[in-house]
Amino acid sequence: MSSLEDNSIGSEGAKALADAVAQSKSLQALILRFNWIGDEGAKALADAVAQSKSLRTLDLPHNGIGDEGAKALADAVAQSKSLQMLTLGGNFIGSEGAKALANAVAQSKSLQTLK
C-alpha cells in the first residue's frame, strides 16, 4: 500500500503520480488524503485509474475536489476493471458530482465501496 497522506502534493504532484499509476502493474492502493490535489489532480488521477489494471483502492479524502473532479473520477469508476474502493469524504462535491458518481456506481463492474 502506498500512503502519501498529509503532504503538499497538490495538483502537479498528483499529475506526476498519475503517470506512474497508469503504468504500474502491481500498485493496489494509493492513499492521498489531505494533499489538496483539487479538481485538476483528480482529473489526472481519474485517467490513470481508468487505465490501471491493478489499482483496487483510491483514497482521496480532504483534497479540495469539487464537482469537476468528481465527474472525472466517476468516468474512471465506470471504466475501471480493477477499482474496488473509492474514498472521497471531506471534499467539496455537490449534487452534480454526486449524480455522476451515482451513475458510475450503477455502471461499474468492480467498485464495491464508495465512501
C-alpha atoms as a PDB file:
ATOM      1  CA  MET A   1       0.000   0.000   0.000  1.00  0.00           C
ATOM      2  CA  SER A   2       1.294   3.470  -0.887  1.00  0.00           C
ATOM      3  CA  SER A   3       0.415   6.116   1.697  1.00  0.00           C
ATOM      4  CA  LEU A   4       1.348   9.684   0.965  1.00  0.00           C
ATOM      5  CA  GLU A   5      -1.263  11.245   3.214  1.00  0.00           C
ATOM      6  CA  ASP A   6      -0.934  14.708   4.706  1.00  0.00           C
ATOM      7  CA  ASN A   7       1.748  16.083   2.403  1.00  0.00           C
ATOM      8  CA  SER A   8       1.788  19.014  -0.002  1.00  0.00           C
ATOM      9  CA  ILE A   9       1.454  17.053  -3.212  1.00  0.00           C
ATOM     10  CA  GLY A  10      -1.057  19.384  -4.872  1.00  0.00           C
ATOM     11  CA  SER A  11      -2.316  19.053  -8.433  1.00  0.00           C
ATOM     12  CA  GLU A  12       1.136  18.971 -10.050  1.00  0.00           C
ATOM     13  CA  GLY A  13       2.281  16.155  -7.794  1.00  0.00           C
ATOM     14  CA  ALA A  14      -0.948  14.259  -8.485  1.00  0.00           C
ATOM     15  CA  LYS A  15      -0.321  14.578 -12.216  1.00  0.00           C
ATOM     16  CA  ALA A  16       3.160  13.096 -11.799  1.00  0.00           C
ATOM     17  CA  LEU A  17       1.801  10.256  -9.675  1.00  0.00           C
ATOM     18  CA  ALA A  18      -0.933   9.605 -12.222  1.00  0.00           C
ATOM     19  CA  ASP A  19       1.621   8.676 -14.863  1.00  0.00           C
ATOM     20  CA  ALA A  20       3.147   6.115 -12.506  1.00  0.00           C
ATOM     21  CA  VAL A  21      -0.251   4.721 -11.501  1.00  0.00           C
ATOM     22  CA  ALA A  22      -1.255   4.222 -15.133  1.00  0.00           C
ATOM     23  CA  GLN A  23       1.965   2.321 -15.882  1.00  0.00           C
ATOM     24  CA  SER A  24       2.200   0.251 -12.700  1.00  0.00           C
ATOM     25  CA  LYS A  25       1.335  -3.409 -12.954  1.00  0.00           C
ATOM     26  CA  SER A  26       1.369  -4.007  -9.202  1.00  0.00           C
ATOM     27  CA  LEU A  27       0.131  -0.914  -7.294  1.00  0.00           C
ATOM     28  CA  GLN A  28      -3.062  -1.877  -5.499  1.00  0.00           C
ATOM     29  CA  ALA A  29      -3.727   1.091  -3.196  1.00  0.00           C
ATOM     30  CA  LEU A  30      -2.946   4.793  -3.322  1.00  0.00           C
ATOM     31  CA  ILE A  31      -3.620   6.849  -0.189  1.00  0.00           C
ATOM     32  CA  LEU A  32      -3.511  10.606  -0.832  1.00  0.00           C
ATOM     33  CA  ARG A  33      -5.740  12.103   1.852  1.00  0.00           C
ATOM     34  CA  PHE A  34      -5.051  15.701   2.942  1.00  0.00           C
ATOM     35  CA  ASN A  35      -2.986  16.659  -0.119  1.00  0.00           C
ATOM     36  CA  TRP A  36      -5.224  19.275  -1.750  1.00  0.00           C
ATOM     37  CA  ILE A  37      -4.902  17.924  -5.263  1.00  0.00           C
ATOM     38  CA  GLY A  38      -8.094  19.739  -6.334  1.00  0.00           C
ATOM     39  CA  ASP A  39     -10.082  19.077  -9.481  1.00  0.00           C
ATOM     40  CA  GLU A  40      -7.025  19.114 -11.757  1.00  0.00           C
ATOM     41  CA  GLY A  41      -5.241  16.472  -9.720  1.00  0.00           C
ATOM     42  CA  ALA A  42      -8.410  14.388  -9.530  1.00  0.00           C
ATOM     43  CA  LYS A  43      -8.804  14.562 -13.310  1.00  0.00           C
ATOM     44  CA  ALA A  44      -5.229  13.362 -13.816  1.00  0.00           C
ATOM     45  CA  LEU A  45      -5.697  10.504 -11.368  1.00  0.00           C
ATOM     46  CA  ALA A  46      -9.011   9.601 -12.986  1.00  0.00           C
ATOM     47  CA  ASP A  47      -7.303   8.991 -16.323  1.00  0.00           C
ATOM     48  CA  ALA A  48      -4.774   6.760 -14.558  1.00  0.00           C
ATOM     49  CA  VAL A  49      -7.479   4.823 -12.708  1.00  0.00           C
ATOM     50  CA  ALA A  50      -9.284   4.121 -15.955  1.00  0.00           C
ATOM     51  CA  GLN A  51      -6.062   2.688 -17.432  1.00  0.00           C
ATOM     52  CA  SER A  52      -4.789   0.802 -14.382  1.00  0.00           C
ATOM     53  CA  LYS A  53      -5.224  -2.933 -14.277  1.00  0.00           C
ATOM     54  CA  SER A  54      -4.070  -3.332 -10.662  1.00  0.00           C
ATOM     55  CA  LEU A  55      -5.338  -0.372  -8.582  1.00  0.00           C
ATOM     56  CA  ARG A  56      -8.051  -1.520  -6.183  1.00  0.00           C
ATOM     57  CA  THR A  57      -8.188   1.343  -3.658  1.00  0.00           C
ATOM     58  CA  LEU A  58      -8.029   5.098  -4.213  1.00  0.00           C
ATOM     59  CA  ASP A  59      -8.266   7.143  -1.015  1.00  0.00           C
ATOM     60  CA  LEU A  60      -8.789  10.887  -1.622  1.00  0.00           C
ATOM     61  CA  PRO A  61     -10.455  12.500   1.429  1.00  0.00           C
ATOM     62  CA  HIS A  62      -9.815  16.189   2.142  1.00  0.00           C
ATOM     63  CA  ASN A  63      -8.332  17.117  -1.218  1.00  0.00           C
ATOM     64  CA  GLY A  64     -10.415  20.093  -2.327  1.00  0.00           C
ATOM     65  CA  ILE A  65     -12.137  18.046  -5.026  1.00  0.00           C
ATOM     66  CA  GLY A  66     -15.324  19.576  -6.418  1.00  0.00           C
ATOM     67  CA  ASP A  67     -17.899  18.546  -8.993  1.00  0.00           C
ATOM     68  CA  GLU A  68     -15.494  18.623 -11.949  1.00  0.00           C
ATOM     69  CA  GLY A  69     -13.039  16.303 -10.244  1.00  0.00           C
ATOM     70  CA  ALA A  70     -15.856  14.047  -9.081  1.00  0.00           C
ATOM     71  CA  LYS A  71     -17.226  13.804 -12.625  1.00  0.00           C
ATOM     72  CA  ALA A  72     -13.805  12.761 -13.927  1.00  0.00           C
ATOM     73  CA  LEU A  73     -13.463  10.182 -11.161  1.00  0.00           C
ATOM     74  CA  ALA A  74     -16.969   8.936 -11.941  1.00  0.00           C
ATOM     75  CA  ASP A  75     -15.956   8.309 -15.559  1.00  0.00           C
ATOM     76  CA  ALA A  76     -12.945   6.365 -14.297  1.00  0.00           C
ATOM     77  CA  VAL A  77     -15.089   4.292 -11.929  1.00  0.00           C
ATOM     78  CA  ALA A  78     -17.379   3.350 -14.797  1.00  0.00           C
ATOM     79  CA  GLN A  79     -14.423   2.297 -16.978  1.00  0.00           C
ATOM     80  CA  SER A  80     -12.174   0.645 -14.397  1.00  0.00           C
ATOM     81  CA  LYS A  81     -11.995  -3.109 -14.251  1.00  0.00           C
ATOM     82  CA  SER A  82      -9.990  -3.192 -11.011  1.00  0.00           C
ATOM     83  CA  LEU A  83     -11.047  -0.322  -8.691  1.00  0.00           C
ATOM     84  CA  GLN A  84     -12.945  -1.707  -5.710  1.00  0.00           C
ATOM     85  CA  MET A  85     -12.918   1.196  -3.244  1.00  0.00           C
ATOM     86  CA  LEU A  86     -13.015   4.964  -3.701  1.00  0.00           C
ATOM     87  CA  THR A  87     -12.979   7.284  -0.674  1.00  0.00           C
ATOM     88  CA  LEU A  88     -13.919  10.949  -1.193  1.00  0.00           C
ATOM     89  CA  GLY A  89     -15.070  12.262   2.198  1.00  0.00           C
ATOM     90  CA  GLY A  90     -14.296  15.839   3.228  1.00  0.00           C
ATOM     91  CA  ASN A  91     -14.221  17.270  -0.299  1.00  0.00           C
ATOM     92  CA  PHE A  92     -16.443  19.883  -1.968  1.00  0.00           C
ATOM     93  CA  ILE A  93     -18.539  17.571  -4.117  1.00  0.00           C
ATOM     94  CA  GLY A  94     -22.020  18.916  -4.797  1.00  0.00           C
ATOM     95  CA  SER A  95     -25.130  17.466  -6.396  1.00  0.00           C
ATOM     96  CA  GLU A  96     -23.686  17.345  -9.934  1.00  0.00           C
ATOM     97  CA  GLY A  97     -20.670  15.361  -8.810  1.00  0.00           C
ATOM     98  CA  ALA A  98     -22.843  13.098  -6.668  1.00  0.00           C
ATOM     99  CA  LYS A  99     -25.144  12.372  -9.626  1.00  0.00           C
ATOM    100  CA  ALA A 100     -22.154  11.457 -11.802  1.00  0.00           C
ATOM    101  CA  LEU A 101     -20.802   9.162  -9.097  1.00  0.00           C
ATOM    102  CA  ALA A 102     -24.210   7.521  -8.649  1.00  0.00           C
ATOM    103  CA  ASN A 103     -24.416   6.784 -12.375  1.00  0.00           C
ATOM    104  CA  ALA A 104     -20.880   5.392 -12.333  1.00  0.00           C
ATOM    105  CA  VAL A 105     -21.660   3.077  -9.423  1.00  0.00           C
ATOM    106  CA  ALA A 106     -24.563   1.666 -11.400  1.00  0.00           C
ATOM    107  CA  GLN A 107     -22.284   1.016 -14.409  1.00  0.00           C
ATOM    108  CA  SER A 108     -19.208  -0.252 -12.551  1.00  0.00           C
ATOM    109  CA  LYS A 109     -18.318  -3.905 -12.702  1.00  0.00           C
ATOM    110  CA  SER A 110     -15.697  -3.727  -9.949  1.00  0.00           C
ATOM    111  CA  LEU A 111     -16.477  -0.971  -7.393  1.00  0.00           C
ATOM    112  CA  GLN A 112     -17.589  -2.387  -4.053  1.00  0.00           C
ATOM    113  CA  THR A 113     -17.218   0.601  -1.716  1.00  0.00           C
ATOM    114  CA  LEU A 114     -17.754   4.333  -2.190  1.00  0.00           C
ATOM    115  CA  LYS A 115     -17.166   6.467   0.905  1.00  0.00           C
END
